[in-house]
């Protein structure tokens, strides 16, 4: 699986910054203001974030392997 650079960068930002920040914000506000389903919502955000991280890791590994193969062909 490989995605283009623009999509990769957006998803990387979402996975590394936006979702963890959103989960932390909701968890804190749920504790302070008594918002419902704090654990369930934060658990869901964490699960989605982990899944997205795995997909991005697979994409990065595929990209690296592809570029190494191209580099190896060019040096021969």
C-alpha atoms as a PDB file:
ATOM      1  CA  UNK A   1       0.000   0.000   0.000  1.00  0.00           C
ATOM      2  CA  UNK A   2       1.357   3.382  -0.977  1.00  0.00           C
ATOM      3  CA  UNK A   3      -0.289   6.798  -0.848  1.00  0.00           C
ATOM      4  CA  UNK A   4       0.779  10.083  -2.401  1.00  0.00           C
ATOM      5  CA  UNK A   5       2.853  12.618  -0.447  1.00  0.00           C
ATOM      6  CA  UNK A   6       0.052  15.124   0.178  1.00  0.00           C
ATOM      7  CA  UNK A   7      -2.315  12.535   1.634  1.00  0.00           C
ATOM      8  CA  UNK A   8       0.520  10.962   3.636  1.00  0.00           C
ATOM      9  CA  UNK A   9       1.490  14.307   5.178  1.00  0.00           C
ATOM     10  CA  UNK A  10      -2.106  15.142   6.089  1.00  0.00           C
ATOM     11  CA  UNK A  11      -2.701  11.727   7.645  1.00  0.00           C
ATOM     12  CA  UNK A  12       0.625  11.913   9.479  1.00  0.00           C
ATOM     13  CA  UNK A  13      -0.394  15.269  10.991  1.00  0.00           C
ATOM     14  CA  UNK A  14      -3.778  13.841  11.987  1.00  0.00           C
ATOM     15  CA  UNK A  15      -2.181  10.744  13.552  1.00  0.00           C
ATOM     16  CA  UNK A  16       0.676  12.489  15.342  1.00  0.00           C
ATOM     17  CA  UNK A  17      -0.926  15.770  16.410  1.00  0.00           C
ATOM     18  CA  UNK A  18      -4.672  16.142  15.892  1.00  0.00           C
ATOM     19  CA  UNK A  19      -6.063  12.859  17.253  1.00  0.00           C
ATOM     20  CA  UNK A  20      -3.836  12.698  20.355  1.00  0.00           C
ATOM     21  CA  UNK A  21      -4.668  16.352  21.102  1.00  0.00           C
ATOM     22  CA  UNK A  22      -8.379  15.728  20.605  1.00  0.00           C
ATOM     23  CA  UNK A  23      -8.311  12.656  22.846  1.00  0.00           C
ATOM     24  CA  UNK A  24      -6.443  14.507  25.577  1.00  0.00           C
ATOM     25  CA  UNK A  25      -8.782  17.491  25.351  1.00  0.00           C
ATOM     26  CA  UNK A  26     -11.920  15.375  25.590  1.00  0.00           C
ATOM     27  CA  UNK A  27     -10.511  13.299  28.452  1.00  0.00           C
ATOM     28  CA  UNK A  28      -9.636  16.426  30.431  1.00  0.00           C
ATOM     29  CA  UNK A  29     -12.942  18.161  29.755  1.00  0.00           C
ATOM     30  CA  UNK A  30     -14.922  15.012  30.508  1.00  0.00           C
ATOM     31  CA  UNK A  31     -13.289  14.892  33.924  1.00  0.00           C
ATOM     32  CA  UNK A  32     -13.810  18.589  34.623  1.00  0.00           C
ATOM     33  CA  UNK A  33     -17.281  19.069  33.165  1.00  0.00           C
ATOM     34  CA  UNK A  34     -18.672  15.564  33.418  1.00  0.00           C
ATOM     35  CA  UNK A  35     -18.995  14.961  29.663  1.00  0.00           C
ATOM     36  CA  UNK A  36     -20.457  11.528  28.914  1.00  0.00           C
ATOM     37  CA  UNK A  37     -18.581   8.467  27.699  1.00  0.00           C
ATOM     38  CA  UNK A  38     -15.087   9.820  28.384  1.00  0.00           C
ATOM     39  CA  UNK A  39     -13.361   6.435  28.370  1.00  0.00           C
ATOM     40  CA  UNK A  40     -15.310   5.168  25.382  1.00  0.00           C
ATOM     41  CA  UNK A  41     -14.654   8.246  23.242  1.00  0.00           C
ATOM     42  CA  UNK A  42     -10.983   8.476  24.148  1.00  0.00           C
ATOM     43  CA  UNK A  43     -10.609   4.723  23.616  1.00  0.00           C
ATOM     44  CA  UNK A  44     -12.172   5.050  20.172  1.00  0.00           C
ATOM     45  CA  UNK A  45      -9.919   7.974  19.244  1.00  0.00           C
ATOM     46  CA  UNK A  46      -6.888   5.980  20.414  1.00  0.00           C
ATOM     47  CA  UNK A  47      -7.943   2.913  18.411  1.00  0.00           C
ATOM     48  CA  UNK A  48      -8.452   4.980  15.245  1.00  0.00           C
ATOM     49  CA  UNK A  49      -5.115   6.720  15.811  1.00  0.00           C
ATOM     50  CA  UNK A  50      -3.301   3.411  16.270  1.00  0.00           C
ATOM     51  CA  UNK A  51      -4.886   1.990  13.109  1.00  0.00           C
ATOM     52  CA  UNK A  52      -3.913   5.101  11.160  1.00  0.00           C
ATOM     53  CA  UNK A  53      -0.368   4.883  12.502  1.00  0.00           C
ATOM     54  CA  UNK A  54      -0.081   1.289  11.311  1.00  0.00           C
ATOM     55  CA  UNK A  55      -1.330   2.205   7.832  1.00  0.00           C
ATOM     56  CA  UNK A  56       1.157   5.080   7.647  1.00  0.00           C
ATOM     57  CA  UNK A  57       3.947   2.787   8.805  1.00  0.00           C
ATOM     58  CA  UNK A  58       3.111   0.262   6.091  1.00  0.00           C
ATOM     59  CA  UNK A  59       3.024   3.028   3.493  1.00  0.00           C
ATOM     60  CA  UNK A  60       6.393   4.405   4.643  1.00  0.00           C
ATOM     61  CA  UNK A  61       7.974   0.938   4.594  1.00  0.00           C
ATOM     62  CA  UNK A  62       6.648   0.263   1.100  1.00  0.00           C
ATOM     63  CA  UNK A  63       7.962   3.618  -0.097  1.00  0.00           C
ATOM     64  CA  UNK A  64      11.397   2.956   1.427  1.00  0.00           C
ATOM     65  CA  UNK A  65      11.657  -0.511  -0.107  1.00  0.00           C
ATOM     66  CA  UNK A  66      10.621   0.815  -3.499  1.00  0.00           C
ATOM     67  CA  UNK A  67      13.206   3.617  -3.364  1.00  0.00           C
ATOM     68  CA  UNK A  68      15.949   1.231  -2.232  1.00  0.00           C
ATOM     69  CA  UNK A  69      15.196  -1.053  -5.164  1.00  0.00           C
ATOM     70  CA  UNK A  70      15.392   1.917  -7.552  1.00  0.00           C
ATOM     71  CA  UNK A  71      18.652   3.094  -5.975  1.00  0.00           C
ATOM     72  CA  UNK A  72      20.143  -0.393  -6.249  1.00  0.00           C
ATOM     73  CA  UNK A  73      19.248  -0.583  -9.949  1.00  0.00           C
ATOM     74  CA  UNK A  74      20.780   2.843 -10.620  1.00  0.00           C
ATOM     75  CA  UNK A  75      24.088   1.994  -8.932  1.00  0.00           C
ATOM     76  CA  UNK A  76      24.571  -1.205 -10.924  1.00  0.00           C
END
